[in-house]
Protein backbone atom coordinates (compact mmCIF):
# COMPACT_ATOMS: atom_id res chain seq x y z
CA MET A 1 -97.63 40.00 313.68
CA PHE A 2 -96.98 41.17 317.23
CA ARG A 3 -98.78 38.12 318.63
CA LYS A 4 -96.89 35.73 316.34
CA CYS A 5 -93.51 37.20 317.27
CA ASN A 6 -94.19 36.64 320.95
CA GLN A 7 -95.62 33.13 320.73
CA GLY A 8 -92.27 31.41 321.30
CA GLY A 9 -89.74 31.86 324.06
CA ARG A 10 -87.73 35.00 324.75
CA ILE A 11 -84.83 33.98 322.50
CA GLU A 12 -87.14 33.15 319.57
CA ALA A 13 -89.03 36.41 320.04
CA ASN A 14 -85.81 38.44 320.10
CA GLN A 15 -84.61 36.74 316.93
CA MET A 16 -87.91 37.40 315.16
CA TRP A 17 -88.00 41.09 316.11
CA SER A 18 -84.35 41.46 315.15
CA ARG A 19 -85.06 39.89 311.76
CA ILE A 20 -87.95 42.30 311.19
CA GLY A 21 -85.84 45.31 312.16
CA ILE A 22 -82.93 44.24 309.95
CA THR A 23 -85.26 43.66 306.99
CA MET A 24 -86.85 47.09 307.42
CA TRP A 25 -83.38 48.68 307.61
CA ALA A 26 -82.33 46.95 304.37
CA ILE A 27 -85.49 48.19 302.64
CA TRP A 28 -84.87 51.71 303.96
CA LYS A 29 -81.30 51.65 302.61
CA THR A 30 -82.57 50.54 299.19
CA ARG A 31 -85.16 53.32 299.24
CA ASN A 32 -82.48 55.92 300.06
CA LYS A 33 -80.29 54.73 297.19
CA LYS A 34 -83.22 55.30 294.83
CA VAL A 35 -84.10 58.72 296.27
CA PHE A 36 -80.58 60.14 296.62
CA HIS A 37 -78.58 58.27 293.97
CA ASP A 38 -81.31 57.28 291.50
CA THR A 39 -80.24 53.62 291.82
CA GLU A 40 -82.88 51.22 290.54
CA PRO A 41 -84.11 48.98 293.41
CA ASP A 42 -83.16 45.32 293.18
CA PRO A 43 -85.32 43.14 295.49
CA LYS A 44 -82.90 40.20 295.29
CA SER A 45 -79.93 42.34 296.35
CA THR A 46 -81.98 43.84 299.18
CA ILE A 47 -82.90 40.38 300.47
CA ASN A 48 -79.30 39.18 300.28
CA TYR A 49 -78.12 42.33 302.05
CA ALA A 50 -80.65 41.72 304.85
CA LYS A 51 -79.51 38.10 305.19
CA ASN A 52 -75.89 39.19 305.49
CA LEU A 53 -76.77 41.76 308.15
CA GLU A 54 -78.76 39.15 310.03
CA LEU A 55 -75.82 36.72 310.04
CA GLU A 56 -73.47 39.41 311.33
CA TYR A 57 -75.94 40.56 314.00
CA PHE A 58 -76.59 37.08 315.37
CA LYS A 59 -72.87 36.32 315.32
CA ALA A 60 -72.13 39.50 317.29
CA THR A 61 -74.93 38.98 319.83
CA GLU A 62 -73.97 35.34 320.28
CA LYS A 63 -70.40 36.38 321.06
CA GLU A 64 -71.63 39.02 323.54
CA ASN A 65 -73.97 36.57 325.26
CA ASN A 66 -71.24 33.96 325.57
CA SER A 67 -68.85 36.53 327.04
CA THR A 68 -71.42 37.53 329.64
CA LYS A 69 -72.22 33.96 330.64
CA GLU A 70 -68.59 32.89 330.88
CA SER A 71 -67.32 36.03 332.62
CA ASN A 72 -64.36 35.28 334.92
CA ARG A 73 -64.68 31.53 334.36
CA ARG A 74 -62.21 29.42 332.39
CA ARG A 75 -63.66 26.74 330.15
CA THR A 76 -63.49 25.19 326.69
CA VAL A 77 -65.53 27.14 324.15
CA PRO A 78 -66.42 25.60 320.77
CA ILE A 79 -65.84 27.89 317.81
CA ILE A 80 -67.56 26.65 314.65
CA CYS A 81 -66.72 27.86 311.16
CA ARG A 82 -70.03 29.18 309.80
CA ALA A 83 -71.10 28.48 306.23
CA PRO A 84 -72.38 31.31 304.03
CA PRO A 85 -76.02 31.46 302.87
CA GLN A 86 -77.12 29.38 299.91
CA ASN A 87 -75.82 30.68 296.56
CA TRP A 88 -73.10 32.64 298.35
CA LEU A 89 -69.38 31.99 298.64
CA LYS A 90 -67.21 32.76 301.64
CA LEU A 91 -63.59 33.84 301.34
CA ASN A 92 -61.55 33.39 304.51
CA THR A 93 -58.38 35.47 304.60
CA ASP A 94 -55.34 35.59 306.84
CA ALA A 95 -51.67 36.51 306.83
CA ALA A 96 -48.46 35.52 308.57
CA PHE A 97 -45.59 37.93 309.22
CA SER A 98 -41.94 37.68 310.17
CA ASN A 99 -40.57 40.81 311.81
CA ASP A 100 -36.99 39.56 311.41
CA THR A 101 -37.12 39.33 307.64
CA LYS A 102 -39.89 41.91 307.07
CA SER A 103 -41.66 39.36 304.94
CA GLY A 104 -45.03 37.73 305.12
CA SER A 105 -47.50 35.47 303.41
CA ILE A 106 -51.18 35.80 302.59
CA ALA A 107 -53.85 33.18 302.04
CA VAL A 108 -57.42 33.15 300.73
CA ALA A 109 -59.70 30.10 300.86
CA ILE A 110 -63.02 30.04 298.98
CA ARG A 111 -65.86 27.80 300.18
CA ASP A 112 -69.54 27.40 299.35
CA CYS A 113 -72.58 26.99 301.60
CA ASN A 114 -71.79 23.28 302.01
CA GLY A 115 -68.25 23.92 303.20
CA THR A 116 -66.76 22.59 299.96
CA LEU A 117 -63.44 24.15 298.98
CA MET A 118 -63.95 25.95 295.66
CA GLY A 119 -60.46 27.38 295.28
CA GLY A 120 -58.04 29.83 296.80
CA THR A 121 -54.68 31.50 296.55
CA ASN A 122 -51.56 32.13 298.58
CA SER A 123 -48.34 34.06 298.07
CA LYS A 124 -45.25 35.49 299.74
CA ILE A 125 -45.02 39.27 300.17
CA GLN A 126 -42.58 41.89 301.45
CA THR A 127 -44.19 44.05 304.12
CA ASN A 128 -43.37 46.06 307.21
CA SER A 129 -46.07 44.88 309.61
CA SER A 130 -48.64 42.19 310.28
CA ILE A 131 -51.53 44.62 309.80
CA LEU A 132 -50.27 45.50 306.31
CA ALA A 133 -50.10 41.79 305.52
CA GLU A 134 -53.67 41.26 306.80
CA ALA A 135 -54.93 44.16 304.67
CA THR A 136 -53.13 42.80 301.61
CA ALA A 137 -54.85 39.43 302.12
CA ILE A 138 -58.29 41.08 302.19
CA ARG A 139 -57.46 43.08 299.06
CA GLU A 140 -56.36 39.88 297.33
CA ALA A 141 -59.71 38.29 298.24
CA ILE A 142 -61.82 41.08 296.76
CA ILE A 143 -59.66 41.12 293.61
CA LEU A 144 -60.36 37.39 293.28
CA ILE A 145 -64.10 38.02 293.62
CA GLU A 146 -64.02 40.55 290.80
CA ASN A 147 -61.73 38.54 288.52
CA LEU A 148 -63.72 35.32 289.00
CA LYS A 149 -67.00 37.23 288.59
CA ILE A 150 -68.42 35.89 291.86
CA GLU A 151 -71.87 37.44 292.29
CA ASN A 152 -72.50 36.89 296.02
CA ALA A 153 -69.56 36.76 298.41
CA THR A 154 -68.58 37.41 302.00
CA ILE A 155 -64.97 38.08 303.00
CA GLU A 156 -63.98 37.02 306.50
CA SER A 157 -60.94 38.09 308.49
CA ASP A 158 -59.94 37.67 312.12
CA CYS A 159 -58.49 41.21 312.17
CA PHE A 160 -61.26 43.18 313.87
CA GLN A 161 -59.57 46.57 313.35
CA LEU A 162 -59.44 46.14 309.59
CA ILE A 163 -63.01 44.91 309.22
CA GLN A 164 -64.21 47.83 311.33
CA ALA A 165 -62.19 50.30 309.25
CA ILE A 166 -63.58 48.92 305.98
CA LYS A 167 -67.20 48.75 307.10
CA GLU A 168 -67.46 51.89 309.22
CA GLY A 169 -65.01 54.15 307.41
CA ASN A 170 -62.64 54.53 310.37
CA THR A 171 -59.29 56.07 309.46
CA PHE A 172 -56.41 53.61 309.66
CA TRP A 173 -53.41 55.51 308.35
CA GLU A 174 -50.98 52.60 308.13
CA VAL A 175 -53.17 50.70 305.68
CA GLU A 176 -55.31 53.54 304.30
CA PRO A 177 -54.16 53.14 300.64
CA ILE A 178 -55.03 49.44 300.72
CA ILE A 179 -58.41 50.13 302.33
CA GLN A 180 -59.15 52.68 299.61
CA ASP A 181 -58.31 50.03 296.98
CA ILE A 182 -60.70 47.61 298.69
CA LYS A 183 -63.52 50.15 298.84
CA ALA A 184 -63.03 51.15 295.21
CA ILE A 185 -63.43 47.53 294.10
CA GLN A 186 -66.37 46.97 296.46
CA LYS A 187 -68.31 49.74 294.70
CA ARG A 188 -68.33 47.52 291.63
CA LEU A 189 -69.52 44.51 293.67
CA PRO A 190 -72.95 45.24 295.19
CA ASN A 191 -73.24 41.81 296.82
CA CYS A 192 -69.85 41.68 298.50
CA GLY A 193 -69.66 42.03 302.28
CA PHE A 194 -67.09 41.84 305.06
CA SER A 195 -67.29 40.05 308.38
CA TRP A 196 -65.06 39.55 311.41
CA ILE A 197 -64.50 36.01 312.65
CA PRO A 198 -62.55 34.81 315.72
CA ARG A 199 -59.15 33.28 315.02
CA GLU A 200 -60.46 29.83 316.00
CA GLY A 201 -63.10 30.05 313.27
CA ASN A 202 -60.50 31.13 310.71
CA LYS A 203 -58.30 28.10 311.13
CA LEU A 204 -58.04 27.16 307.45
CA ALA A 205 -56.76 30.53 306.22
CA HIS A 206 -54.52 30.90 309.29
CA THR A 207 -52.88 27.52 308.70
CA LEU A 208 -52.46 28.18 304.98
CA ALA A 209 -50.68 31.48 305.63
CA SER A 210 -48.43 29.93 308.29
CA LEU A 211 -47.43 27.02 306.07
CA LYS A 212 -46.69 29.35 303.17
CA LEU A 213 -44.42 31.52 305.31
CA GLN A 214 -42.51 28.36 306.30
CA ASN A 215 -42.23 27.29 302.64
CA GLN A 216 -44.31 24.19 303.40
CA LEU A 217 -47.19 24.87 301.01
CA THR A 218 -47.25 24.38 297.24
CA ASN A 219 -49.35 26.45 294.86
CA ASN A 220 -51.55 23.48 293.91
CA TRP A 221 -52.95 23.08 297.45
CA PRO A 222 -56.58 23.79 296.38
CA SER A 223 -56.61 20.70 294.14
CA ASN A 224 -54.17 18.64 296.20
CA PRO A 225 -54.30 19.86 299.81
CA PRO A 226 -51.71 18.50 302.26
CA LYS A 227 -52.98 16.25 305.03
CA GLN A 228 -53.14 19.04 307.63
CA ILE A 229 -55.24 21.26 305.35
CA ALA A 230 -57.47 18.41 304.19
CA GLU A 231 -58.27 17.55 307.81
CA ILE A 232 -59.28 21.14 308.63
CA ILE A 233 -61.51 21.29 305.55
CA ARG A 234 -63.13 17.96 306.44
CA ASN A 235 -63.75 18.87 310.09
CA GLU A 236 -65.20 22.29 309.31
CA LYS A 237 -67.37 20.85 306.55
CA LEU A 238 -68.80 18.40 309.08
CA GLY A 239 -69.40 21.27 311.50
CA LEU A 240 -66.87 20.03 314.04
CA PRO A 241 -65.78 22.88 316.33
CA SER A 242 -62.28 24.01 317.12
CA HIS A 243 -61.72 24.33 320.88
CA HIS A 244 -59.67 26.86 322.75
CA GLN A 245 -59.11 27.83 326.35
CA TRP A 246 -59.83 31.42 327.26
CA ARG A 247 -60.58 33.71 330.16
CA HIS A 248 -62.86 36.69 329.83
CA VAL A 249 -61.40 39.78 331.52
């Protein structure tokens, strides 16, 4: 195995060793659940968990590598909306907030591994901050997963603080009640994960939330999306990147 892992280049070798380590970690977690919680092992769930971890790891390392390479240089960086694994659905979430009116809007878009829009929801809310609106959008997504009985799902948000608080248990007092709601539902959904995505990769949910706040989006948008939304769905389904200018500091 050692020889096979090192047959390719450095990048291929790193990916192979990372995949092995992630798989072993997933197996170890499953073993601990059996030993300490008497939870019957489920090989399929363990494999799916390992795949999710692998996607998150490669996404994080790719971002870190890009930041290092582009340090102190301004250029156009392509951000591509990533599809979920086969037999999984991805729910992109976002929110818009108006400090003047203390109101906001939330949006959830559901897509499959081919980038096909499977459904979604959006609504107006009364809230005191943008972070509360973002948390409400994530809670709406996980409620949808449970109500629609979606077996394998990943929820994506461009709010790094919230994703970190949900996954690592960090205390976030302003939204703690909502986070507790999310975690309570997640306990009933063994194959539901959370992932951070840059704003440029979350364009569909971001645009949906913005249009809703401006009263420019009807509730039947999943079946009859306006031109702007249809174009985003088409481009991301084709794997066309969104571009943005940035400077690493």
